PDB file of N, CA and C in Angstrom:
ATOM      1  N   MET A   1     -12.784  12.237   5.995  1.00  0.00           N
ATOM      2  CA  MET A   1     -12.284  12.747   7.168  1.00  0.00           C
ATOM      3  C   MET A   1     -11.532  11.812   7.810  1.00  0.00           C
ATOM      4  N   ASN A   2     -10.859  12.214   8.758  1.00  0.00           N
ATOM      5  CA  ASN A   2      -9.761  11.364   9.752  1.00  0.00           C
ATOM      6  C   ASN A   2     -10.120  11.597  11.282  1.00  0.00           C
ATOM      7  N   ARG A   3     -11.116  11.528  11.640  1.00  0.00           N
ATOM      8  CA  ARG A   3     -11.492  11.955  12.999  1.00  0.00           C
ATOM      9  C   ARG A   3     -11.060  10.757  13.720  1.00  0.00           C
ATOM     10  N   ARG A   4     -10.834  10.876  15.058  1.00  0.00           N
ATOM     11  CA  ARG A   4     -10.523   9.503  16.072  1.00  0.00           C
ATOM     12  C   ARG A   4     -11.548   9.456  16.854  1.00  0.00           C
ATOM     13  N   ALA A   5     -11.923   8.251  16.975  1.00  0.00           N
ATOM     14  CA  ALA A   5     -13.059   7.709  17.931  1.00  0.00           C
ATOM     15  C   ALA A   5     -12.568   8.075  19.160  1.00  0.00           C
ATOM     16  N   ARG A   6     -13.218   7.842  20.301  1.00  0.00           N
ATOM     17  CA  ARG A   6     -12.882   7.868  21.539  1.00  0.00           C
ATOM     18  C   ARG A   6     -11.823   6.996  22.094  1.00  0.00           C
ATOM     19  N   ASP A   7     -11.768   5.871  21.393  1.00  0.00           N
ATOM     20  CA  ASP A   7     -10.977   4.909  21.663  1.00  0.00           C
ATOM     21  C   ASP A   7      -9.344   5.005  21.167  1.00  0.00           C
ATOM     22  N   GLY A   8      -9.556   6.063  20.437  1.00  0.00           N
ATOM     23  CA  GLY A   8      -8.004   6.507  19.707  1.00  0.00           C
ATOM     24  C   GLY A   8      -7.850   6.034  18.093  1.00  0.00           C
ATOM     25  N   HIS A   9      -8.950   5.172  17.779  1.00  0.00           N
ATOM     26  CA  HIS A   9      -8.733   4.646  16.517  1.00  0.00           C
ATOM     27  C   HIS A   9      -9.087   5.844  15.473  1.00  0.00           C
ATOM     28  N   THR A  10      -8.831   5.712  14.359  1.00  0.00           N
ATOM     29  CA  THR A  10      -9.422   6.206  13.203  1.00  0.00           C
ATOM     30  C   THR A  10     -10.622   5.768  12.834  1.00  0.00           C
ATOM     31  N   GLU A  11     -11.614   6.458  11.826  1.00  0.00           N
ATOM     32  CA  GLU A  11     -12.676   5.817  11.495  1.00  0.00           C
ATOM     33  C   GLU A  11     -12.374   4.534  10.360  1.00  0.00           C
ATOM     34  N   TRP A  12     -11.305   4.462   9.917  1.00  0.00           N
ATOM     35  CA  TRP A  12     -10.608   3.542   8.759  1.00  0.00           C
ATOM     36  C   TRP A  12     -10.168   2.428   9.563  1.00  0.00           C
ATOM     37  N   CYS A  13      -9.852   2.612  10.593  1.00  0.00           N
ATOM     38  CA  CYS A  13      -8.864   1.586  11.320  1.00  0.00           C
ATOM     39  C   CYS A  13      -9.723   0.068  11.370  1.00  0.00           C
ATOM     40  N   GLY A  14      -8.886  -0.795  11.285  1.00  0.00           N
ATOM     41  CA  GLY A  14      -9.373  -2.089  11.330  1.00  0.00           C
ATOM     42  C   GLY A  14      -9.568  -2.424  12.760  1.00  0.00           C
ATOM     43  N   LYS A  15      -8.893  -1.783  14.074  1.00  0.00           N
ATOM     44  CA  LYS A  15      -8.851  -2.008  15.224  1.00  0.00           C
ATOM     45  C   LYS A  15      -8.276  -3.651  15.340  1.00  0.00           C
ATOM     46  N   GLY A  16      -8.529  -4.009  16.722  1.00  0.00           N
ATOM     47  CA  GLY A  16      -8.154  -5.300  17.343  1.00  0.00           C
ATOM     48  C   GLY A  16      -6.550  -5.536  16.960  1.00  0.00           C
ATOM     49  N   HIS A  17      -6.398  -7.030  16.562  1.00  0.00           N
ATOM     50  CA  HIS A  17      -4.862  -6.851  16.498  1.00  0.00           C
ATOM     51  C   HIS A  17      -4.163  -6.398  15.259  1.00  0.00           C
ATOM     52  N   ARG A  18      -4.892  -5.688  14.487  1.00  0.00           N
ATOM     53  CA  ARG A  18      -4.243  -5.147  13.220  1.00  0.00           C
ATOM     54  C   ARG A  18      -3.299  -3.987  13.979  1.00  0.00           C
ATOM     55  N   CYS A  19      -3.743  -3.380  15.162  1.00  0.00           N
ATOM     56  CA  CYS A  19      -3.086  -2.071  15.541  1.00  0.00           C
ATOM     57  C   CYS A  19      -2.083  -2.604  16.450  1.00  0.00           C
ATOM     58  N   GLY A  20      -0.873  -2.087  16.640  1.00  0.00           N
ATOM     59  CA  GLY A  20      -0.023  -2.418  17.518  1.00  0.00           C
ATOM     60  C   GLY A  20       1.100  -1.691  17.628  1.00  0.00           C
ATOM     61  N   LEU A  21       1.954  -1.235  18.510  1.00  0.00           N
ATOM     62  CA  LEU A  21       3.188  -0.494  18.911  1.00  0.00           C
ATOM     63  C   LEU A  21       2.774   1.108  18.392  1.00  0.00           C
ATOM     64  N   GLY A  22       1.789   1.634  18.416  1.00  0.00           N
ATOM     65  CA  GLY A  22       1.051   2.938  18.340  1.00  0.00           C
ATOM     66  C   GLY A  22       0.632   3.011  16.953  1.00  0.00           C
ATOM     67  N   GLU A  23       0.642   2.194  16.083  1.00  0.00           N
ATOM     68  CA  GLU A  23       0.470   2.257  14.795  1.00  0.00           C
ATOM     69  C   GLU A  23      -1.200   1.828  14.490  1.00  0.00           C
ATOM     70  N   HIS A  24      -1.899   2.330  13.542  1.00  0.00           N
ATOM     71  CA  HIS A  24      -3.352   1.966  13.414  1.00  0.00           C
ATOM     72  C   HIS A  24      -3.289   1.435  11.658  1.00  0.00           C
ATOM     73  N   ARG A  25      -3.852   0.410  11.916  1.00  0.00           N
ATOM     74  CA  ARG A  25      -3.646  -0.440  10.437  1.00  0.00           C
ATOM     75  C   ARG A  25      -5.288  -0.451   9.934  1.00  0.00           C
ATOM     76  N   SER A  26      -5.408  -0.150   8.599  1.00  0.00           N
ATOM     77  CA  SER A  26      -7.122  -0.642   8.158  1.00  0.00           C
ATOM     78  C   SER A  26      -7.130  -2.265   7.887  1.00  0.00           C
ATOM     79  N   GLU A  27      -8.346  -2.628   7.663  1.00  0.00           N
ATOM     80  CA  GLU A  27      -8.413  -3.907   6.929  1.00  0.00           C
ATOM     81  C   GLU A  27      -7.805  -4.368   5.578  1.00  0.00           C
ATOM     82  N   GLU A  28      -7.410  -5.271   5.249  1.00  0.00           N
ATOM     83  CA  GLU A  28      -6.696  -5.498   3.879  1.00  0.00           C
ATOM     84  C   GLU A  28      -7.652  -5.120   2.718  1.00  0.00           C
ATOM     85  N   ILE A  29      -7.362  -4.569   1.783  1.00  0.00           N
ATOM     86  CA  ILE A  29      -8.125  -4.455   0.499  1.00  0.00           C
ATOM     87  C   ILE A  29      -7.275  -5.397  -0.529  1.00  0.00           C
ATOM     88  N   VAL A  30      -7.943  -6.406  -0.945  1.00  0.00           N
ATOM     89  CA  VAL A  30      -7.346  -7.294  -1.669  1.00  0.00           C
ATOM     90  C   VAL A  30      -7.587  -7.394  -3.238  1.00  0.00           C
ATOM     91  N   VAL A  31      -6.846  -7.212  -4.223  1.00  0.00           N
ATOM     92  CA  VAL A  31      -7.250  -7.372  -5.747  1.00  0.00           C
ATOM     93  C   VAL A  31      -6.562  -8.889  -6.080  1.00  0.00           C
ATOM     94  N   ASP A  32      -7.357  -9.916  -6.420  1.00  0.00           N
ATOM     95  CA  ASP A  32      -6.785 -11.295  -6.770  1.00  0.00           C
ATOM     96  C   ASP A  32      -7.057 -11.417  -8.347  1.00  0.00           C
ATOM     97  N   VAL A  33      -6.293 -11.729  -8.836  1.00  0.00           N
ATOM     98  CA  VAL A  33      -6.482 -12.325 -10.233  1.00  0.00           C
ATOM     99  C   VAL A  33      -5.953 -13.971 -10.224  1.00  0.00           C
ATOM    100  N   ALA A  34      -7.197 -14.563 -10.244  1.00  0.00           N
ATOM    101  CA  ALA A  34      -6.947 -15.981  -9.580  1.00  0.00           C
ATOM    102  C   ALA A  34      -5.696 -16.840 -10.314  1.00  0.00           C
ATOM    103  N   GLY A  35      -4.761 -17.306  -9.772  1.00  0.00           N
ATOM    104  CA  GLY A  35      -3.596 -18.098 -10.333  1.00  0.00           C
ATOM    105  C   GLY A  35      -2.538 -17.214 -10.949  1.00  0.00           C
ATOM    106  N   ARG A  36      -2.546 -16.019 -10.922  1.00  0.00           N
ATOM    107  CA  ARG A  36      -1.932 -14.931 -11.846  1.00  0.00           C
ATOM    108  C   ARG A  36      -1.283 -13.712 -10.804  1.00  0.00           C
ATOM    109  N   SER A  37      -2.183 -13.309 -10.130  1.00  0.00           N
ATOM    110  CA  SER A  37      -1.408 -12.105  -9.550  1.00  0.00           C
ATOM    111  C   SER A  37      -1.993 -11.848  -8.260  1.00  0.00           C
ATOM    112  N   ARG A  38      -1.756 -10.942  -7.072  1.00  0.00           N
ATOM    113  CA  ARG A  38      -2.557 -10.555  -6.318  1.00  0.00           C
ATOM    114  C   ARG A  38      -1.633  -9.318  -5.398  1.00  0.00           C
ATOM    115  N   ALA A  39      -2.575  -8.423  -5.053  1.00  0.00           N
ATOM    116  CA  ALA A  39      -2.321  -7.170  -4.376  1.00  0.00           C
ATOM    117  C   ALA A  39      -2.985  -6.777  -3.235  1.00  0.00           C
ATOM    118  N   VAL A  40      -2.209  -6.462  -2.226  1.00  0.00           N
ATOM    119  CA  VAL A  40      -2.962  -6.198  -0.941  1.00  0.00           C
ATOM    120  C   VAL A  40      -2.694  -5.004  -0.252  1.00  0.00           C
ATOM    121  N   LEU A  41      -3.428  -4.194  -0.218  1.00  0.00           N
ATOM    122  CA  LEU A  41      -3.191  -2.696   0.420  1.00  0.00           C
ATOM    123  C   LEU A  41      -3.879  -2.517   1.482  1.00  0.00           C
ATOM    124  N   VAL A  42      -3.083  -1.932   2.506  1.00  0.00           N
ATOM    125  CA  VAL A  42      -3.461  -1.589   3.914  1.00  0.00           C
ATOM    126  C   VAL A  42      -2.958  -0.303   4.150  1.00  0.00           C
ATOM    127  N   ARG A  43      -3.942   0.672   4.440  1.00  0.00           N
ATOM    128  CA  ARG A  43      -3.574   2.151   5.295  1.00  0.00           C
ATOM    129  C   ARG A  43      -3.074   1.882   6.427  1.00  0.00           C
ATOM    130  N   VAL A  44      -2.059   2.905   6.732  1.00  0.00           N
ATOM    131  CA  VAL A  44      -1.445   2.661   8.072  1.00  0.00           C
ATOM    132  C   VAL A  44      -0.874   4.250   8.526  1.00  0.00           C
ATOM    133  N   ARG A  45      -1.509   4.406   9.742  1.00  0.00           N
ATOM    134  CA  ARG A  45      -1.037   5.448  10.626  1.00  0.00           C
ATOM    135  C   ARG A  45       0.029   5.389  11.579  1.00  0.00           C
ATOM    136  N   THR A  46       1.297   6.072  11.290  1.00  0.00           N
ATOM    137  CA  THR A  46       2.580   5.687  12.415  1.00  0.00           C
ATOM    138  C   THR A  46       2.114   6.229  13.653  1.00  0.00           C
ATOM    139  N   ALA A  47       2.886   5.858  14.868  1.00  0.00           N
ATOM    140  CA  ALA A  47       2.823   6.564  16.009  1.00  0.00           C
ATOM    141  C   ALA A  47       2.961   8.020  15.993  1.00  0.00           C
ATOM    142  N   ALA A  48       3.968   8.565  14.892  1.00  0.00           N
ATOM    143  CA  ALA A  48       4.189   9.806  14.852  1.00  0.00           C
ATOM    144  C   ALA A  48       2.971  10.523  14.039  1.00  0.00           C
ATOM    145  N   GLY A  49       1.908   9.783  13.761  1.00  0.00           N
ATOM    146  CA  GLY A  49       1.104  10.538  12.946  1.00  0.00           C
ATOM    147  C   GLY A  49       0.785  10.429  11.408  1.00  0.00           C
ATOM    148  N   ARG A  50       2.061   9.965  10.904  1.00  0.00           N
ATOM    149  CA  ARG A  50       2.163  10.016   9.596  1.00  0.00           C
ATOM    150  C   ARG A  50       1.346   8.988   8.792  1.00  0.00           C
ATOM    151  N   GLU A  51       0.643   9.089   7.641  1.00  0.00           N
ATOM    152  CA  GLU A  51      -0.015   8.183   6.996  1.00  0.00           C
ATOM    153  C   GLU A  51       0.803   7.522   5.705  1.00  0.00           C
ATOM    154  N   HIS A  52       0.847   6.393   5.449  1.00  0.00           N
ATOM    155  CA  HIS A  52       1.041   5.885   4.540  1.00  0.00           C
ATOM    156  C   HIS A  52       0.305   4.431   3.842  1.00  0.00           C
ATOM    157  N   ALA A  53       0.693   4.112   2.584  1.00  0.00           N
ATOM    158  CA  ALA A  53      -0.386   2.807   2.035  1.00  0.00           C
ATOM    159  C   ALA A  53       0.932   2.002   1.924  1.00  0.00           C
ATOM    160  N   GLU A  54       0.613   0.815   2.447  1.00  0.00           N
ATOM    161  CA  GLU A  54       1.543  -0.254   2.386  1.00  0.00           C
ATOM    162  C   GLU A  54       0.859  -1.632   1.396  1.00  0.00           C
ATOM    163  N   VAL A  55       1.666  -1.869   0.341  1.00  0.00           N
ATOM    164  CA  VAL A  55       1.207  -2.357  -0.767  1.00  0.00           C
ATOM    165  C   VAL A  55       2.038  -3.767  -0.929  1.00  0.00           C
ATOM    166  N   ARG A  56       1.664  -4.893  -0.875  1.00  0.00           N
ATOM    167  CA  ARG A  56       2.230  -6.267  -1.110  1.00  0.00           C
ATOM    168  C   ARG A  56       1.730  -6.679  -2.749  1.00  0.00           C
ATOM    169  N   VAL A  57       2.619  -7.120  -3.510  1.00  0.00           N
ATOM    170  CA  VAL A  57       2.238  -7.519  -4.805  1.00  0.00           C
ATOM    171  C   VAL A  57       2.857  -8.850  -5.058  1.00  0.00           C
ATOM    172  N   ARG A  58       1.954 -10.040  -5.702  1.00  0.00           N
ATOM    173  CA  ARG A  58       2.552 -11.123  -5.892  1.00  0.00           C
ATOM    174  C   ARG A  58       2.123 -11.507  -7.354  1.00  0.00           C
ATOM    175  N   VAL A  59       3.044 -11.811  -8.003  1.00  0.00           N
ATOM    176  CA  VAL A  59       2.873 -11.918  -9.715  1.00  0.00           C
ATOM    177  C   VAL A  59       3.336 -13.338  -9.888  1.00  0.00           C
ATOM    178  N   ALA A  60       2.875 -14.403 -10.678  1.00  0.00           N
ATOM    179  CA  ALA A  60       3.343 -15.147 -11.239  1.00  0.00           C
ATOM    180  C   ALA A  60       4.185 -15.062 -12.217  1.00  0.00           C
ATOM    181  N   LEU A  61       5.387 -15.602 -12.250  1.00  0.00           N
ATOM    182  CA  LEU A  61       6.574 -15.235 -13.379  1.00  0.00           C
ATOM    183  C   LEU A  61       6.415 -16.506 -14.436  1.00  0.00           C
ATOM    184  N   ALA A  62       6.950 -16.328 -15.451  1.00  0.00           N
ATOM    185  CA  ALA A  62       7.013 -17.175 -16.564  1.00  0.00           C
ATOM    186  C   ALA A  62       8.063 -18.250 -16.040  1.00  0.00           C
ATOM    187  N   PRO A  63       7.946 -19.700 -16.757  1.00  0.00           N
ATOM    188  CA  PRO A  63       8.998 -20.889 -16.305  1.00  0.00           C
ATOM    189  C   PRO A  63      10.265 -20.433 -16.765  1.00  0.00           C
ATOM    190  N   SER A  64      10.471 -19.515 -17.796  1.00  0.00           N
ATOM    191  CA  SER A  64      11.730 -19.473 -18.578  1.00  0.00           C
ATOM    192  C   SER A  64      12.390 -18.263 -17.603  1.00  0.00           C
ATOM    193  N   GLU A  65      13.600 -18.373 -17.464  1.00  0.00           N
ATOM    194  CA  GLU A  65      14.303 -17.459 -16.744  1.00  0.00           C
ATOM    195  C   GLU A  65      14.415 -16.283 -17.662  1.00  0.00           C
ATOM    196  N   LEU A  66      14.623 -16.005 -18.819  1.00  0.00           N
ATOM    197  CA  LEU A  66      14.729 -14.781 -19.759  1.00  0.00           C
ATOM    198  C   LEU A  66      13.419 -14.135 -19.503  1.00  0.00           C
ATOM    199  N   ALA A  67      12.396 -14.722 -19.945  1.00  0.00           N
ATOM    200  CA  ALA A  67      10.793 -14.273 -19.635  1.00  0.00           C
ATOM    201  C   ALA A  67      10.605 -13.955 -18.499  1.00  0.00           C
ATOM    202  N   ALA A  68      10.810 -14.493 -17.366  1.00  0.00           N
ATOM    203  CA  ALA A  68      10.700 -14.040 -15.943  1.00  0.00           C
ATOM    204  C   ALA A  68      11.443 -12.753 -15.639  1.00  0.00           C
ATOM    205  N   ARG A  69      12.601 -12.587 -16.121  1.00  0.00           N
ATOM    206  CA  ARG A  69      13.533 -11.378 -15.871  1.00  0.00           C
ATOM    207  C   ARG A  69      13.055 -10.234 -16.547  1.00  0.00           C
ATOM    208  N   ARG A  70      12.280 -10.769 -17.837  1.00  0.00           N
ATOM    209  CA  ARG A  70      11.674  -9.474 -18.585  1.00  0.00           C
ATOM    210  C   ARG A  70      10.320  -8.991 -17.879  1.00  0.00           C
ATOM    211  N   GLN A  71       9.560  -9.942 -17.103  1.00  0.00           N
ATOM    212  CA  GLN A  71       8.659  -9.546 -16.533  1.00  0.00           C
ATOM    213  C   GLN A  71       8.893  -8.796 -15.259  1.00  0.00           C
ATOM    214  N   LEU A  72      10.039  -9.158 -14.509  1.00  0.00           N
ATOM    215  CA  LEU A  72      10.402  -8.566 -13.286  1.00  0.00           C
ATOM    216  C   LEU A  72      10.717  -6.764 -13.680  1.00  0.00           C
ATOM    217  N   VAL A  73      11.582  -6.652 -14.826  1.00  0.00           N
ATOM    218  CA  VAL A  73      12.034  -5.356 -15.238  1.00  0.00           C
ATOM    219  C   VAL A  73      10.746  -4.720 -15.666  1.00  0.00           C
ATOM    220  N   GLY A  74       9.799  -5.335 -16.009  1.00  0.00           N
ATOM    221  CA  GLY A  74       8.439  -4.287 -16.698  1.00  0.00           C
ATOM    222  C   GLY A  74       8.023  -4.056 -15.262  1.00  0.00           C
ATOM    223  N   LEU A  75       7.775  -5.291 -14.303  1.00  0.00           N
ATOM    224  CA  LEU A  75       7.025  -4.960 -12.947  1.00  0.00           C
ATOM    225  C   LEU A  75       7.635  -3.805 -12.305  1.00  0.00           C
ATOM    226  N   LEU A  76       9.047  -3.813 -12.054  1.00  0.00           N
ATOM    227  CA  LEU A  76       9.769  -2.763 -11.448  1.00  0.00           C
ATOM    228  C   LEU A  76       9.553  -1.272 -12.141  1.00  0.00           C
ATOM    229  N   GLY A  77       9.397  -1.339 -13.392  1.00  0.00           N
ATOM    230  CA  GLY A  77       9.238   0.067 -13.825  1.00  0.00           C
ATOM    231  C   GLY A  77       7.497   0.519 -13.841  1.00  0.00           C
ATOM    232  N   ASP A  78       6.926  -0.324 -13.956  1.00  0.00           N
ATOM    233  CA  ASP A  78       5.561   0.239 -13.492  1.00  0.00           C
ATOM    234  C   ASP A  78       5.364   0.615 -12.096  1.00  0.00           C
ATOM    235  N   LEU A  79       6.195  -0.195 -11.204  1.00  0.00           N
ATOM    236  CA  LEU A  79       5.777   0.176  -9.612  1.00  0.00           C
ATOM    237  C   LEU A  79       6.457   1.568  -9.408  1.00  0.00           C
ATOM    238  N   ARG A  80       7.556   1.798 -10.219  1.00  0.00           N
ATOM    239  CA  ARG A  80       8.590   2.965 -10.218  1.00  0.00           C
ATOM    240  C   ARG A  80       7.532   4.304 -10.419  1.00  0.00           C
ATOM    241  N   HIS A  81       7.035   3.827 -11.739  1.00  0.00           N
ATOM    242  CA  HIS A  81       6.140   4.897 -12.022  1.00  0.00           C
ATOM    243  C   HIS A  81       4.643   5.212 -10.993  1.00  0.00           C
ATOM    244  N   ALA A  82       4.321   4.221 -10.603  1.00  0.00           N
ATOM    245  CA  ALA A  82       3.315   4.297  -9.596  1.00  0.00           C
ATOM    246  C   ALA A  82       3.352   4.869  -8.227  1.00  0.00           C
ATOM    247  N   VAL A  83       4.700   4.687  -7.758  1.00  0.00           N
ATOM    248  CA  VAL A  83       5.456   5.222  -6.371  1.00  0.00           C
ATOM    249  C   VAL A  83       5.539   6.657  -6.803  1.00  0.00           C
ATOM    250  N   THR A  84       6.175   6.937  -7.786  1.00  0.00           N
ATOM    251  CA  THR A  84       6.579   8.402  -8.043  1.00  0.00           C
ATOM    252  C   THR A  84       5.298   9.048  -8.470  1.00  0.00           C
ATOM    253  N   GLN A  85       4.241   8.638  -9.061  1.00  0.00           N
ATOM    254  CA  GLN A  85       2.826   9.308  -9.136  1.00  0.00           C
ATOM    255  C   GLN A  85       2.160   9.675  -7.785  1.00  0.00           C
ATOM    256  N   ALA A  86       2.286   8.651  -6.782  1.00  0.00           N
ATOM    257  CA  ALA A  86       1.821   8.774  -5.836  1.00  0.00           C
ATOM    258  C   ALA A  86       2.301   9.864  -4.830  1.00  0.00           C
ATOM    259  N   ALA A  87       3.699   9.870  -5.248  1.00  0.00           N
ATOM    260  CA  ALA A  87       4.683  10.870  -3.923  1.00  0.00           C
ATOM    261  C   ALA A  87       4.155  12.338  -4.749  1.00  0.00           C
ATOM    262  N   ILE A  88       4.456  12.286  -6.108  1.00  0.00           N
ATOM    263  CA  ILE A  88       3.912  13.768  -6.559  1.00  0.00           C
ATOM    264  C   ILE A  88       2.420  14.273  -6.104  1.00  0.00           C
ATOM    265  N   THR A  89       1.654  13.448  -6.036  1.00  0.00           N
ATOM    266  CA  THR A  89       0.079  13.841  -5.823  1.00  0.00           C
ATOM    267  C   THR A  89       0.188  13.950  -4.140  1.00  0.00           C
ATOM    268  N   ALA A  90       0.765  13.609  -3.362  1.00  0.00           N
ATOM    269  CA  ALA A  90       0.882  13.784  -2.096  1.00  0.00           C
ATOM    270  C   ALA A  90       1.716  15.137  -1.775  1.00  0.00           C
ATOM    271  N   ARG A  91       2.664  15.469  -2.436  1.00  0.00           N
ATOM    272  CA  ARG A  91       3.580  16.686  -2.133  1.00  0.00           C
ATOM    273  C   ARG A  91       2.568  17.854  -2.065  1.00  0.00           C
ATOM    274  N   PRO A  92       2.651  18.616  -0.851  1.00  0.00           N
ATOM    275  CA  PRO A  92       1.899  19.803  -0.977  1.00  0.00           C
ATOM    276  C   PRO A  92       2.213  21.071  -1.917  1.00  0.00           C
ATOM    277  N   ARG A  93       1.263  21.691  -2.699  1.00  0.00           N
ATOM    278  CA  ARG A  93       1.419  22.522  -3.460  1.00  0.00           C
ATOM    279  C   ARG A  93       1.889  23.980  -2.752  1.00  0.00           C
ATOM    280  N   PRO A  94       2.975  24.526  -3.618  1.00  0.00           N
ATOM    281  CA  PRO A  94       3.336  25.962  -2.912  1.00  0.00           C
ATOM    282  C   PRO A  94       2.312  26.790  -2.909  1.00  0.00           C
ATOM    283  N   ARG A  95       2.201  27.764  -1.768  1.00  0.00           N
ATOM    284  CA  ARG A  95       1.108  28.585  -1.781  1.00  0.00           C
ATOM    285  C   ARG A  95       1.566  30.032  -2.563  1.00  0.00           C
ATOM    286  N   ARG A  96       0.552  30.653  -3.014  1.00  0.00           N
ATOM    287  CA  ARG A  96       0.762  31.733  -4.042  1.00  0.00           C
ATOM    288  C   ARG A  96       0.106  32.869  -3.241  1.00  0.00           C
TER     289      ARG A  96
END
């Protein structure tokens, strides 16, 4: 449920310095693979009421330029798939 408290924040809102300019932001959810990768997810509600997931990803790249480029191609493909799947899931189904 997404009820707002009396102070205008949502139940999941991190409050304090996280919110500003009409946005509400959750606390960060961090997935960390020590020395290899890190992902940070934050739930955001804009001033217009639209909700988003904001995701930052950092991945250690191979020292070789060719291998690093291959990693980036794979990462972009995986991100594209994840974003597409999330967008499809979020789309409202037509009424029958």
